[in-house]
Amino acid sequence: MASNSKIGTIWGFLKTRKKWWLTPIILTLVLLAALIVLTESSAVAPFIYALF
């Protein structure tokens, strides 16, 4: 991966600093952000809001 990309930078940080415990937190945040973006204007949004 290119070191100029954001993913490459995060991966390099995790690899060199041995902060592997941050990986599940980052993945959870990315998944929540994707859920928000994908359900922003869809018909599924009321059902997603009911879960939370």
PDB file of N, CA and C in Angstrom:
ATOM      1  N   MET A   1       0.821  -1.174   0.000  1.00  0.00           N
ATOM      2  CA  MET A   1       0.000   0.000   0.000  1.00  0.00           C
ATOM      3  C   MET A   1       0.871   1.245   0.000  1.00  0.00           C
ATOM      4  N   ALA A   2       0.371   2.254  -0.634  1.00  0.00           N
ATOM      5  CA  ALA A   2       1.121   3.499  -0.668  1.00  0.00           C
ATOM      6  C   ALA A   2       1.092   4.169   0.701  1.00  0.00           C
ATOM      7  N   SER A   3       2.212   4.708   1.088  1.00  0.00           N
ATOM      8  CA  SER A   3       2.276   5.335   2.405  1.00  0.00           C
ATOM      9  C   SER A   3       1.582   6.695   2.416  1.00  0.00           C
ATOM     10  N   ASN A   4       1.203   7.215   1.244  1.00  0.00           N
ATOM     11  CA  ASN A   4       0.528   8.502   1.184  1.00  0.00           C
ATOM     12  C   ASN A   4      -0.964   8.384   1.445  1.00  0.00           C
ATOM     13  N   SER A   5      -1.514   7.202   1.312  1.00  0.00           N
ATOM     14  CA  SER A   5      -2.947   7.050   1.531  1.00  0.00           C
ATOM     15  C   SER A   5      -3.245   7.021   3.028  1.00  0.00           C
ATOM     16  N   LYS A   6      -4.475   7.354   3.364  1.00  0.00           N
ATOM     17  CA  LYS A   6      -4.863   7.368   4.778  1.00  0.00           C
ATOM     18  C   LYS A   6      -4.831   5.966   5.373  1.00  0.00           C
ATOM     19  N   ILE A   7      -5.283   4.997   4.595  1.00  0.00           N
ATOM     20  CA  ILE A   7      -5.273   3.615   5.086  1.00  0.00           C
ATOM     21  C   ILE A   7      -3.840   3.144   5.295  1.00  0.00           C
ATOM     22  N   GLY A   8      -2.963   3.502   4.367  1.00  0.00           N
ATOM     23  CA  GLY A   8      -1.558   3.126   4.496  1.00  0.00           C
ATOM     24  C   GLY A   8      -0.894   3.768   5.701  1.00  0.00           C
ATOM     25  N   THR A   9      -1.271   5.017   5.966  1.00  0.00           N
ATOM     26  CA  THR A   9      -0.719   5.707   7.128  1.00  0.00           C
ATOM     27  C   THR A   9      -1.179   5.054   8.425  1.00  0.00           C
ATOM     28  N   ILE A  10      -2.470   4.729   8.503  1.00  0.00           N
ATOM     29  CA  ILE A  10      -2.995   4.071   9.703  1.00  0.00           C
ATOM     30  C   ILE A  10      -2.359   2.705   9.874  1.00  0.00           C
ATOM     31  N   TRP A  11      -2.240   1.954   8.785  1.00  0.00           N
ATOM     32  CA  TRP A  11      -1.625   0.631   8.851  1.00  0.00           C
ATOM     33  C   TRP A  11      -0.175   0.724   9.321  1.00  0.00           C
ATOM     34  N   GLY A  12       0.567   1.708   8.805  1.00  0.00           N
ATOM     35  CA  GLY A  12       1.953   1.897   9.225  1.00  0.00           C
ATOM     36  C   GLY A  12       2.059   2.233  10.707  1.00  0.00           C
ATOM     37  N   PHE A  13       1.135   3.065  11.189  1.00  0.00           N
ATOM     38  CA  PHE A  13       1.119   3.411  12.619  1.00  0.00           C
ATOM     39  C   PHE A  13       0.865   2.177  13.463  1.00  0.00           C
ATOM     40  N   LEU A  14      -0.157   1.390  13.081  1.00  0.00           N
ATOM     41  CA  LEU A  14      -0.483   0.196  13.862  1.00  0.00           C
ATOM     42  C   LEU A  14       0.674  -0.798  13.857  1.00  0.00           C
ATOM     43  N   LYS A  15       1.341  -0.918  12.716  1.00  0.00           N
ATOM     44  CA  LYS A  15       2.420  -1.893  12.582  1.00  0.00           C
ATOM     45  C   LYS A  15       3.662  -1.481  13.378  1.00  0.00           C
ATOM     46  N   THR A  16       4.033  -0.214  13.290  1.00  0.00           N
ATOM     47  CA  THR A  16       5.273   0.197  13.962  1.00  0.00           C
ATOM     48  C   THR A  16       5.082   0.395  15.461  1.00  0.00           C
ATOM     49  N   ARG A  17       3.919   0.850  15.873  1.00  0.00           N
ATOM     50  CA  ARG A  17       3.692   1.122  17.298  1.00  0.00           C
ATOM     51  C   ARG A  17       3.120  -0.077  18.052  1.00  0.00           C
ATOM     52  N   LYS A  18       2.787  -1.138  17.329  1.00  0.00           N
ATOM     53  CA  LYS A  18       2.230  -2.362  17.932  1.00  0.00           C
ATOM     54  C   LYS A  18       0.932  -2.067  18.693  1.00  0.00           C
ATOM     55  N   LYS A  19       0.077  -1.272  18.093  1.00  0.00           N
ATOM     56  CA  LYS A  19      -1.199  -0.887  18.704  1.00  0.00           C
ATOM     57  C   LYS A  19      -2.333  -1.708  18.086  1.00  0.00           C
ATOM     58  N   TRP A  20      -2.217  -3.011  18.122  1.00  0.00           N
ATOM     59  CA  TRP A  20      -3.209  -3.873  17.476  1.00  0.00           C
ATOM     60  C   TRP A  20      -4.576  -3.812  18.141  1.00  0.00           C
ATOM     61  N   TRP A  21      -4.634  -3.370  19.391  1.00  0.00           N
ATOM     62  CA  TRP A  21      -5.920  -3.269  20.082  1.00  0.00           C
ATOM     63  C   TRP A  21      -6.787  -2.163  19.486  1.00  0.00           C
ATOM     64  N   LEU A  22      -6.196  -1.249  18.715  1.00  0.00           N
ATOM     65  CA  LEU A  22      -6.972  -0.191  18.066  1.00  0.00           C
ATOM     66  C   LEU A  22      -7.737  -0.695  16.834  1.00  0.00           C
ATOM     67  N   THR A  23      -7.341  -1.812  16.286  1.00  0.00           N
ATOM     68  CA  THR A  23      -7.955  -2.325  15.059  1.00  0.00           C
ATOM     69  C   THR A  23      -9.460  -2.547  15.196  1.00  0.00           C
ATOM     70  N   PRO A  24      -9.970  -3.217  16.228  1.00  0.00           N
ATOM     71  CA  PRO A  24     -11.424  -3.385  16.328  1.00  0.00           C
ATOM     72  C   PRO A  24     -12.167  -2.062  16.485  1.00  0.00           C
ATOM     73  N   ILE A  25     -11.563  -1.102  17.166  1.00  0.00           N
ATOM     74  CA  ILE A  25     -12.197   0.203  17.334  1.00  0.00           C
ATOM     75  C   ILE A  25     -12.305   0.911  15.992  1.00  0.00           C
ATOM     76  N   ILE A  26     -11.243   0.881  15.217  1.00  0.00           N
ATOM     77  CA  ILE A  26     -11.244   1.531  13.901  1.00  0.00           C
ATOM     78  C   ILE A  26     -12.245   0.855  12.975  1.00  0.00           C
ATOM     79  N   LEU A  27     -12.268  -0.471  12.982  1.00  0.00           N
ATOM     80  CA  LEU A  27     -13.211  -1.192  12.130  1.00  0.00           C
ATOM     81  C   LEU A  27     -14.655  -0.889  12.512  1.00  0.00           C
ATOM     82  N   THR A  28     -14.934  -0.804  13.807  1.00  0.00           N
ATOM     83  CA  THR A  28     -16.289  -0.490  14.257  1.00  0.00           C
ATOM     84  C   THR A  28     -16.695   0.910  13.809  1.00  0.00           C
ATOM     85  N   LEU A  29     -15.794   1.862  13.932  1.00  0.00           N
ATOM     86  CA  LEU A  29     -16.100   3.223  13.495  1.00  0.00           C
ATOM     87  C   LEU A  29     -16.336   3.302  11.995  1.00  0.00           C
ATOM     88  N   VAL A  30     -15.542   2.573  11.227  1.00  0.00           N
ATOM     89  CA  VAL A  30     -15.719   2.560   9.771  1.00  0.00           C
ATOM     90  C   VAL A  30     -17.051   1.928   9.396  1.00  0.00           C
ATOM     91  N   LEU A  31     -17.412   0.828  10.045  1.00  0.00           N
ATOM     92  CA  LEU A  31     -18.687   0.178   9.755  1.00  0.00           C
ATOM     93  C   LEU A  31     -19.879   1.055  10.133  1.00  0.00           C
ATOM     94  N   LEU A  32     -19.803   1.744  11.266  1.00  0.00           N
ATOM     95  CA  LEU A  32     -20.873   2.654  11.653  1.00  0.00           C
ATOM     96  C   LEU A  32     -20.991   3.822  10.688  1.00  0.00           C
ATOM     97  N   ALA A  33     -19.864   4.356  10.239  1.00  0.00           N
ATOM     98  CA  ALA A  33     -19.889   5.447   9.268  1.00  0.00           C
ATOM     99  C   ALA A  33     -20.501   4.985   7.953  1.00  0.00           C
ATOM    100  N   ALA A  34     -20.155   3.778   7.505  1.00  0.00           N
ATOM    101  CA  ALA A  34     -20.742   3.244   6.277  1.00  0.00           C
ATOM    102  C   ALA A  34     -22.236   3.025   6.435  1.00  0.00           C
ATOM    103  N   LEU A  35     -22.665   2.557   7.593  1.00  0.00           N
ATOM    104  CA  LEU A  35     -24.085   2.360   7.850  1.00  0.00           C
ATOM    105  C   LEU A  35     -24.841   3.684   7.785  1.00  0.00           C
ATOM    106  N   ILE A  36     -24.272   4.721   8.350  1.00  0.00           N
ATOM    107  CA  ILE A  36     -24.913   6.034   8.325  1.00  0.00           C
ATOM    108  C   ILE A  36     -25.000   6.572   6.902  1.00  0.00           C
ATOM    109  N   VAL A  37     -23.933   6.436   6.146  1.00  0.00           N
ATOM    110  CA  VAL A  37     -23.926   6.952   4.771  1.00  0.00           C
ATOM    111  C   VAL A  37     -24.897   6.178   3.894  1.00  0.00           C
ATOM    112  N   LEU A  38     -24.931   4.864   4.030  1.00  0.00           N
ATOM    113  CA  LEU A  38     -25.783   4.053   3.162  1.00  0.00           C
ATOM    114  C   LEU A  38     -27.268   4.185   3.490  1.00  0.00           C
ATOM    115  N   THR A  39     -27.600   4.467   4.728  1.00  0.00           N
ATOM    116  CA  THR A  39     -29.012   4.545   5.109  1.00  0.00           C
ATOM    117  C   THR A  39     -29.509   5.983   5.225  1.00  0.00           C
ATOM    118  N   GLU A  40     -28.709   6.925   4.756  1.00  0.00           N
ATOM    119  CA  GLU A  40     -29.072   8.325   4.894  1.00  0.00           C
ATOM    120  C   GLU A  40     -30.402   8.657   4.212  1.00  0.00           C
ATOM    121  N   SER A  41     -30.595   8.175   3.030  1.00  0.00           N
ATOM    122  CA  SER A  41     -31.813   8.523   2.306  1.00  0.00           C
ATOM    123  C   SER A  41     -32.451   7.284   1.674  1.00  0.00           C
ATOM    124  N   SER A  42     -32.524   6.234   2.434  1.00  0.00           N
ATOM    125  CA  SER A  42     -33.108   5.017   1.883  1.00  0.00           C
ATOM    126  C   SER A  42     -34.381   4.650   2.633  1.00  0.00           C
ATOM    127  N   ALA A  43     -35.085   3.704   2.103  1.00  0.00           N
ATOM    128  CA  ALA A  43     -36.326   3.252   2.727  1.00  0.00           C
ATOM    129  C   ALA A  43     -36.053   2.380   3.955  1.00  0.00           C
ATOM    130  N   VAL A  44     -34.833   1.961   4.139  1.00  0.00           N
ATOM    131  CA  VAL A  44     -34.472   1.092   5.254  1.00  0.00           C
ATOM    132  C   VAL A  44     -34.190   1.908   6.521  1.00  0.00           C
ATOM    133  N   ALA A  45     -34.011   3.213   6.387  1.00  0.00           N
ATOM    134  CA  ALA A  45     -33.612   4.071   7.504  1.00  0.00           C
ATOM    135  C   ALA A  45     -34.502   3.926   8.740  1.00  0.00           C
ATOM    136  N   PRO A  46     -35.847   3.896   8.631  1.00  0.00           N
ATOM    137  CA  PRO A  46     -36.650   3.765   9.848  1.00  0.00           C
ATOM    138  C   PRO A  46     -36.381   2.466  10.618  1.00  0.00           C
ATOM    139  N   PHE A  47     -36.048   1.410   9.911  1.00  0.00           N
ATOM    140  CA  PHE A  47     -35.774   0.140  10.577  1.00  0.00           C
ATOM    141  C   PHE A  47     -34.411   0.156  11.263  1.00  0.00           C
ATOM    142  N   ILE A  48     -33.446   0.841  10.670  1.00  0.00           N
ATOM    143  CA  ILE A  48     -32.130   0.963  11.279  1.00  0.00           C
ATOM    144  C   ILE A  48     -32.231   1.784  12.566  1.00  0.00           C
ATOM    145  N   TYR A  49     -33.006   2.876  12.524  1.00  0.00           N
ATOM    146  CA  TYR A  49     -33.149   3.718  13.710  1.00  0.00           C
ATOM    147  C   TYR A  49     -33.848   2.959  14.834  1.00  0.00           C
ATOM    148  N   ALA A  50     -34.706   2.040  14.503  1.00  0.00           N
ATOM    149  CA  ALA A  50     -35.394   1.262  15.519  1.00  0.00           C
ATOM    150  C   ALA A  50     -34.418   0.348  16.273  1.00  0.00           C
ATOM    151  N   LEU A  51     -33.331  -0.043  15.634  1.00  0.00           N
ATOM    152  CA  LEU A  51     -32.337  -0.898  16.289  1.00  0.00           C
ATOM    153  C   LEU A  51     -31.590  -0.163  17.392  1.00  0.00           C
ATOM    154  N   PHE A  52     -31.409   1.136  17.212  1.00  0.00           N
ATOM    155  CA  PHE A  52     -30.634   1.902  18.179  1.00  0.00           C
ATOM    156  C   PHE A  52     -31.565   2.638  19.109  1.00  0.00           C
TER     157      PHE A  52
END
